[in-house]
Amino acid sequence: MLWEVEELRKLSEIQPEVVEDGLKALWDRKPILHKKVVINAYIDGKVNLGKAAEILEMSRLELERELKEKGVPVRHLTAGDVAAEVEAITEW
């Protein structure tokens, strides 16, 4: 399976829309998998809490509550996180 993931990564550089469509279909069929991937990205520091909540179409507070219930440590906002939150609210 690792080679398949690597090939998807390479394909995403050449034809990102193909991979995005495939992932969208997977996430629609397996929303729990999507949530786990997003939460792992949050744990790994690849997305902040606000972005993870946005991707999962949840409020930041809902996601924070869920993470705490699952024992996942919630990082406090950095200055960059606050700026990103303000930008997201302004765009919304």
C-alpha atoms as a PDB file:
ATOM      1  CA  MET A   1       0.000   0.000   0.000  1.00  0.00           C
ATOM      2  CA  LEU A   2       2.874   2.411   0.621  1.00  0.00           C
ATOM      3  CA  TRP A   3       3.776   2.417  -3.055  1.00  0.00           C
ATOM      4  CA  GLU A   4       0.170   3.331  -3.878  1.00  0.00           C
ATOM      5  CA  VAL A   5       0.252   6.301  -1.529  1.00  0.00           C
ATOM      6  CA  GLU A   6       3.567   7.409  -3.017  1.00  0.00           C
ATOM      7  CA  GLU A   7       2.152   7.151  -6.550  1.00  0.00           C
ATOM      8  CA  LEU A   8      -0.879   9.213  -5.516  1.00  0.00           C
ATOM      9  CA  ARG A   9       1.468  11.842  -4.095  1.00  0.00           C
ATOM     10  CA  LYS A  10       3.416  11.980  -7.366  1.00  0.00           C
ATOM     11  CA  LEU A  11       0.221  12.087  -9.419  1.00  0.00           C
ATOM     12  CA  SER A  12      -1.012  14.982  -7.268  1.00  0.00           C
ATOM     13  CA  GLU A  13       1.952  17.028  -8.506  1.00  0.00           C
ATOM     14  CA  ILE A  14       1.052  16.383 -12.150  1.00  0.00           C
ATOM     15  CA  GLN A  15      -2.740  16.152 -12.028  1.00  0.00           C
ATOM     16  CA  PRO A  16      -3.900  17.501  -8.654  1.00  0.00           C
ATOM     17  CA  GLU A  17      -7.544  17.628  -9.739  1.00  0.00           C
ATOM     18  CA  VAL A  18      -7.591  13.857 -10.347  1.00  0.00           C
ATOM     19  CA  VAL A  19      -6.303  13.119  -6.857  1.00  0.00           C
ATOM     20  CA  GLU A  20      -8.592  15.748  -5.289  1.00  0.00           C
ATOM     21  CA  ASP A  21     -11.615  14.168  -6.988  1.00  0.00           C
ATOM     22  CA  GLY A  22     -10.569  10.716  -5.811  1.00  0.00           C
ATOM     23  CA  LEU A  23     -10.033  11.879  -2.246  1.00  0.00           C
ATOM     24  CA  LYS A  24     -13.354  13.746  -2.250  1.00  0.00           C
ATOM     25  CA  ALA A  25     -15.118  10.525  -3.303  1.00  0.00           C
ATOM     26  CA  LEU A  26     -13.274   8.583  -0.598  1.00  0.00           C
ATOM     27  CA  TRP A  27     -14.090  11.165   2.081  1.00  0.00           C
ATOM     28  CA  ASP A  28     -17.766  11.116   1.037  1.00  0.00           C
ATOM     29  CA  ARG A  29     -17.848   7.317   1.370  1.00  0.00           C
ATOM     30  CA  LYS A  30     -15.718   7.146   4.511  1.00  0.00           C
ATOM     31  CA  PRO A  31     -16.229  10.329   6.585  1.00  0.00           C
ATOM     32  CA  ILE A  32     -14.680   8.708   9.672  1.00  0.00           C
ATOM     33  CA  LEU A  33     -11.469   8.099   7.713  1.00  0.00           C
ATOM     34  CA  HIS A  34     -11.504  11.733   6.587  1.00  0.00           C
ATOM     35  CA  LYS A  35     -11.881  12.916  10.185  1.00  0.00           C
ATOM     36  CA  LYS A  36      -9.007  10.681  11.319  1.00  0.00           C
ATOM     37  CA  VAL A  37      -6.740  12.004   8.550  1.00  0.00           C
ATOM     38  CA  VAL A  38      -7.544  15.611   9.458  1.00  0.00           C
ATOM     39  CA  ILE A  39      -7.044  14.986  13.180  1.00  0.00           C
ATOM     40  CA  ASN A  40      -3.700  13.293  12.454  1.00  0.00           C
ATOM     41  CA  ALA A  41      -2.698  16.331  10.382  1.00  0.00           C
ATOM     42  CA  TYR A  42      -3.603  18.514  13.373  1.00  0.00           C
ATOM     43  CA  ILE A  43      -1.608  16.310  15.773  1.00  0.00           C
ATOM     44  CA  ASP A  44       1.380  16.449  13.394  1.00  0.00           C
ATOM     45  CA  GLY A  45       1.136  20.257  13.264  1.00  0.00           C
ATOM     46  CA  LYS A  46       0.312  20.361   9.542  1.00  0.00           C
ATOM     47  CA  VAL A  47      -2.940  22.263  10.157  1.00  0.00           C
ATOM     48  CA  ASN A  48      -4.073  24.345  13.096  1.00  0.00           C
ATOM     49  CA  LEU A  49      -7.245  23.697  15.046  1.00  0.00           C
ATOM     50  CA  GLY A  50      -9.238  26.326  13.165  1.00  0.00           C
ATOM     51  CA  LYS A  51      -8.261  24.901   9.772  1.00  0.00           C
ATOM     52  CA  ALA A  52      -8.997  21.339  10.901  1.00  0.00           C
ATOM     53  CA  ALA A  53     -12.445  22.451  12.095  1.00  0.00           C
ATOM     54  CA  GLU A  54     -13.045  24.262   8.804  1.00  0.00           C
ATOM     55  CA  ILE A  55     -12.092  21.184   6.765  1.00  0.00           C
ATOM     56  CA  LEU A  56     -14.396  19.019   8.881  1.00  0.00           C
ATOM     57  CA  GLU A  57     -17.177  21.624   8.698  1.00  0.00           C
ATOM     58  CA  MET A  58     -17.296  21.951  12.478  1.00  0.00           C
ATOM     59  CA  SER A  59     -16.875  24.894  14.778  1.00  0.00           C
ATOM     60  CA  ARG A  60     -13.485  25.260  16.385  1.00  0.00           C
ATOM     61  CA  LEU A  61     -15.049  24.768  19.818  1.00  0.00           C
ATOM     62  CA  GLU A  62     -16.846  21.579  18.741  1.00  0.00           C
ATOM     63  CA  LEU A  63     -13.625  20.084  17.454  1.00  0.00           C
ATOM     64  CA  GLU A  64     -11.678  21.195  20.525  1.00  0.00           C
ATOM     65  CA  ARG A  65     -14.283  19.550  22.767  1.00  0.00           C
ATOM     66  CA  GLU A  66     -14.173  16.324  20.737  1.00  0.00           C
ATOM     67  CA  LEU A  67     -10.379  16.205  20.815  1.00  0.00           C
ATOM     68  CA  LYS A  68     -10.300  16.714  24.570  1.00  0.00           C
ATOM     69  CA  GLU A  69     -12.874  13.914  25.022  1.00  0.00           C
ATOM     70  CA  LYS A  70     -10.597  11.604  22.992  1.00  0.00           C
ATOM     71  CA  GLY A  71      -7.539  12.616  25.005  1.00  0.00           C
ATOM     72  CA  VAL A  72      -5.899  14.470  22.129  1.00  0.00           C
ATOM     73  CA  PRO A  73      -3.862  17.423  23.418  1.00  0.00           C
ATOM     74  CA  VAL A  74      -5.144  20.749  22.140  1.00  0.00           C
ATOM     75  CA  ARG A  75      -2.483  23.293  21.266  1.00  0.00           C
ATOM     76  CA  HIS A  76      -3.007  26.897  22.283  1.00  0.00           C
ATOM     77  CA  LEU A  77      -3.267  29.494  19.563  1.00  0.00           C
ATOM     78  CA  THR A  78      -0.080  31.100  18.313  1.00  0.00           C
ATOM     79  CA  ALA A  79       0.027  34.614  16.889  1.00  0.00           C
ATOM     80  CA  GLY A  80      -0.037  33.044  13.404  1.00  0.00           C
ATOM     81  CA  ASP A  81      -3.101  31.002  14.326  1.00  0.00           C
ATOM     82  CA  VAL A  82      -4.897  34.114  15.538  1.00  0.00           C
ATOM     83  CA  ALA A  83      -4.030  35.947  12.315  1.00  0.00           C
ATOM     84  CA  ALA A  84      -5.274  32.973  10.258  1.00  0.00           C
ATOM     85  CA  GLU A  85      -8.507  32.871  12.285  1.00  0.00           C
ATOM     86  CA  VAL A  86      -9.074  36.605  11.730  1.00  0.00           C
ATOM     87  CA  GLU A  87      -8.388  36.210   8.004  1.00  0.00           C
ATOM     88  CA  ALA A  88     -10.791  33.267   7.754  1.00  0.00           C
ATOM     89  CA  ILE A  89     -13.523  35.197   9.581  1.00  0.00           C
ATOM     90  CA  THR A  90     -12.934  38.258   7.402  1.00  0.00           C
ATOM     91  CA  GLU A  91     -13.181  36.191   4.209  1.00  0.00           C
ATOM     92  CA  TRP A  92     -16.277  34.406   5.483  1.00  0.00           C
END
